[in-house]
């Protein structure tokens, strides 16, 4: 083991005996002052580069934060606009419901009342279809699709029909732009 305080011998390089700060303990009287000046220029240039990279990094972080905030704001605005469009379209349907409620029911026949309700229902379906809403109404014999149907009951398969088919529709389902909002409630053959 060598003495850490001993001066380097002729076979040792200054780096072999440098302390943790890189000080080799060499005699500074033999250092060329020109080399110190040239190193100061390199240090200043590197410090300037570091400062420039710090500024670039700070600008990039600020740009990212601004973009993120604008994206959130745009998403919220798009959602508000979508809700506004649906609400505006449904106002006409509400107007027709109000007109129906103001009718003198003593003068209307059951057929007329039913026709009015069917007309308003059809208007609601057309209005919501403009926004991507579609009914899911499987017919008896259609293949059961768990992505669109909910089996609320099992029933024996009708003769000649394989298992796993819709036997009866209890409640229509709905999709919005090909995503299931509510599955159709059906009975399924076993």
Protein backbone atom coordinates (compact mmCIF):
# COMPACT_ATOMS: atom_id res chain seq x y z
CA UNK A 1 0.00 0.00 0.00
CA UNK A 2 1.35 3.45 -0.84
CA UNK A 3 1.43 6.54 1.33
CA UNK A 4 -1.28 8.97 0.12
CA UNK A 5 0.85 11.98 1.22
CA UNK A 6 4.00 10.90 -0.60
CA UNK A 7 5.12 12.87 -3.69
CA UNK A 8 4.87 11.00 -7.00
CA UNK A 9 7.98 9.18 -8.01
CA UNK A 10 9.52 9.12 -11.49
CA UNK A 11 7.41 6.15 -12.61
CA UNK A 12 4.08 7.64 -11.49
CA UNK A 13 2.07 10.06 -13.59
CA UNK A 14 0.52 13.08 -11.90
CA UNK A 15 -2.96 11.57 -12.39
CA UNK A 16 -1.99 8.47 -10.42
CA UNK A 17 -1.55 10.51 -7.25
CA UNK A 18 -4.17 13.24 -7.71
CA UNK A 19 -6.51 13.89 -4.77
CA UNK A 20 -10.32 13.89 -5.08
CA UNK A 21 -10.23 17.44 -6.53
CA UNK A 22 -7.69 16.59 -9.21
CA UNK A 23 -4.82 18.35 -7.41
CA UNK A 24 -1.60 16.47 -8.04
CA UNK A 25 0.42 18.56 -5.65
CA UNK A 26 2.76 19.51 -8.52
CA UNK A 27 4.89 22.59 -8.27
CA UNK A 28 2.92 25.45 -9.90
CA UNK A 29 6.09 27.41 -10.64
CA UNK A 30 6.52 25.30 -13.78
CA UNK A 31 3.01 25.99 -15.19
CA UNK A 32 2.93 27.99 -18.39
CA UNK A 33 0.74 31.14 -17.84
CA UNK A 34 -0.30 31.04 -21.53
CA UNK A 35 -1.96 27.64 -21.03
CA UNK A 36 -4.00 29.06 -18.13
CA UNK A 37 -5.25 31.90 -20.32
CA UNK A 38 -6.15 29.51 -23.14
CA UNK A 39 -8.06 27.31 -20.68
CA UNK A 40 -9.99 30.32 -19.37
CA UNK A 41 -11.24 30.98 -22.90
CA UNK A 42 -12.43 27.39 -23.22
CA UNK A 43 -14.14 27.63 -19.83
CA UNK A 44 -15.90 30.87 -20.81
CA UNK A 45 -17.03 29.34 -24.11
CA UNK A 46 -18.37 26.25 -22.34
CA UNK A 47 -20.14 28.36 -19.73
CA UNK A 48 -21.79 30.35 -22.53
CA UNK A 49 -22.91 27.10 -24.21
CA UNK A 50 -24.34 25.82 -20.93
CA UNK A 51 -26.25 29.09 -20.45
CA UNK A 52 -27.63 28.86 -24.01
CA UNK A 53 -28.75 25.24 -23.49
CA UNK A 54 -30.40 26.20 -20.20
CA UNK A 55 -32.34 28.94 -21.98
CA UNK A 56 -33.37 26.54 -24.76
CA UNK A 57 -34.52 24.01 -22.19
CA UNK A 58 -36.54 26.63 -20.29
CA UNK A 59 -38.17 27.81 -23.53
CA UNK A 60 -39.00 24.22 -24.50
CA UNK A 61 -40.58 23.55 -21.10
CA UNK A 62 -42.59 26.79 -21.33
CA UNK A 63 -43.71 25.92 -24.89
CA UNK A 64 -44.80 22.46 -23.76
CA UNK A 65 -46.75 23.88 -20.81
CA UNK A 66 -48.47 26.42 -23.08
CA UNK A 67 -49.34 23.72 -25.63
CA UNK A 68 -50.70 21.47 -22.89
CA UNK A 69 -52.86 24.29 -21.49
CA UNK A 70 -54.15 25.23 -24.96
CA UNK A 71 -54.97 21.58 -25.69
CA UNK A 72 -56.99 21.29 -22.46
CA UNK A 73 -58.78 24.57 -23.25
CA UNK A 74 -59.55 23.42 -26.82
CA UNK A 75 -60.88 20.08 -25.56
CA UNK A 76 -63.16 21.80 -23.04
CA UNK A 77 -64.40 24.24 -25.68
CA UNK A 78 -65.11 21.40 -28.14
CA UNK A 79 -67.08 19.58 -25.45
CA UNK A 80 -69.08 22.72 -24.61
CA UNK A 81 -69.77 23.30 -28.31
CA UNK A 82 -70.93 19.70 -28.77
CA UNK A 83 -73.33 19.96 -25.84
CA UNK A 84 -74.58 23.31 -27.16
CA UNK A 85 -75.27 21.80 -30.59
CA UNK A 86 -77.26 18.89 -29.14
CA UNK A 87 -79.19 21.19 -26.80
CA UNK A 88 -80.00 23.60 -29.64
CA UNK A 89 -81.30 20.72 -31.78
CA UNK A 90 -83.47 19.42 -28.95
CA UNK A 91 -85.15 22.81 -28.39
CA UNK A 92 -87.35 22.22 -31.45
CA UNK A 93 -88.44 18.88 -30.01
CA UNK A 94 -89.29 20.60 -26.71
CA UNK A 95 -91.36 23.16 -28.63
CA UNK A 96 -93.40 20.37 -30.23
CA UNK A 97 -93.91 18.70 -26.85
CA UNK A 98 -95.16 22.00 -25.42
CA UNK A 99 -97.59 22.42 -28.34
CA UNK A 100 -98.87 18.88 -27.75
CA UNK A 101 -99.44 19.58 -24.07
CA UNK A 102 -101.44 22.72 -24.91
CA UNK A 103 -103.93 20.79 -27.08
CA UNK A 104 -107.48 20.33 -25.87
CA UNK A 105 -107.54 16.62 -25.02
CA UNK A 106 -111.34 16.58 -24.98
CA UNK A 107 -111.34 17.18 -28.74
CA UNK A 108 -108.48 14.77 -29.62
CA UNK A 109 -109.06 11.11 -30.37
CA UNK A 110 -106.71 8.45 -28.98
CA UNK A 111 -105.43 7.86 -32.52
CA UNK A 112 -104.56 11.55 -32.90
CA UNK A 113 -102.74 11.58 -29.54
CA UNK A 114 -100.83 8.44 -30.49
CA UNK A 115 -99.93 9.88 -33.91
CA UNK A 116 -98.63 13.05 -32.19
CA UNK A 117 -96.48 11.04 -29.76
CA UNK A 118 -95.10 8.91 -32.64
CA UNK A 119 -94.30 12.05 -34.61
CA UNK A 120 -92.40 13.59 -31.69
CA UNK A 121 -90.56 10.33 -31.00
CA UNK A 122 -89.50 10.13 -34.65
CA UNK A 123 -88.29 13.72 -34.48
CA UNK A 124 -86.19 12.91 -31.39
CA UNK A 125 -84.67 9.88 -33.16
CA UNK A 126 -83.86 11.93 -36.29
CA UNK A 127 -82.37 14.74 -34.22
CA UNK A 128 -80.15 12.44 -32.19
CA UNK A 129 -79.16 10.48 -35.32
CA UNK A 130 -77.59 13.69 -36.65
CA UNK A 131 -75.17 13.42 -33.71
CA UNK A 132 -74.36 9.74 -34.30
CA UNK A 133 -76.97 8.00 -32.13
CA UNK A 134 -78.31 4.74 -33.59
CA UNK A 135 -80.83 2.31 -32.12
CA UNK A 136 -79.88 -1.34 -31.54
CA UNK A 137 -82.99 -3.47 -32.14
CA UNK A 138 -82.09 -7.09 -32.87
CA UNK A 139 -84.80 -9.26 -34.36
CA UNK A 140 -85.66 -12.78 -33.23
CA UNK A 141 -83.12 -15.17 -34.74
CA UNK A 142 -80.29 -12.60 -34.88
CA UNK A 143 -77.02 -13.79 -33.41
CA UNK A 144 -76.45 -12.66 -29.82
CA UNK A 145 -73.67 -10.06 -29.68
CA UNK A 146 -72.44 -9.32 -26.13
CA UNK A 147 -70.98 -5.98 -27.30
CA UNK A 148 -74.47 -4.79 -28.30
CA UNK A 149 -76.90 -7.02 -26.38
CA UNK A 150 -77.53 -7.81 -22.72
CA UNK A 151 -79.06 -11.21 -22.01
CA UNK A 152 -81.65 -10.67 -19.28
CA UNK A 153 -83.28 -14.04 -19.76
CA UNK A 154 -82.67 -17.44 -21.33
CA UNK A 155 -85.29 -19.28 -23.35
CA UNK A 156 -85.39 -22.63 -25.12
CA UNK A 157 -84.24 -22.34 -28.71
CA UNK A 158 -87.12 -22.42 -31.19
CA UNK A 159 -87.17 -25.51 -33.37
CA UNK A 160 -84.56 -25.33 -36.12
CA UNK A 161 -82.71 -22.43 -34.47
CA UNK A 162 -79.27 -22.86 -32.88
CA UNK A 163 -78.48 -21.71 -29.35
CA UNK A 164 -77.05 -18.23 -28.84
CA UNK A 165 -79.71 -16.42 -30.85
CA UNK A 166 -82.01 -13.57 -29.85
CA UNK A 167 -85.48 -14.89 -28.99
CA UNK A 168 -87.15 -11.62 -27.92
CA UNK A 169 -86.28 -7.93 -27.61
CA UNK A 170 -87.34 -6.35 -24.30
CA UNK A 171 -85.72 -2.93 -24.63
CA UNK A 172 -83.84 -1.27 -27.50
CA UNK A 173 -80.21 -0.35 -27.02
CA UNK A 174 -78.27 2.56 -28.48
CA UNK A 175 -74.85 3.24 -29.93
CA UNK A 176 -73.17 6.60 -30.32
CA UNK A 177 -70.68 6.70 -33.19
CA UNK A 178 -70.25 2.90 -33.02
CA UNK A 179 -69.77 2.86 -29.22
CA UNK A 180 -72.42 1.16 -27.14
CA UNK A 181 -74.29 3.59 -24.88
CA UNK A 182 -76.80 1.02 -23.71
CA UNK A 183 -77.03 -2.60 -24.83
CA UNK A 184 -80.34 -3.95 -26.06
CA UNK A 185 -82.04 -6.13 -23.42
CA UNK A 186 -82.93 -9.50 -24.95
CA UNK A 187 -83.72 -13.10 -24.16
CA UNK A 188 -81.28 -15.61 -25.63
CA UNK A 189 -81.84 -19.14 -26.84
CA UNK A 190 -80.10 -22.01 -25.03
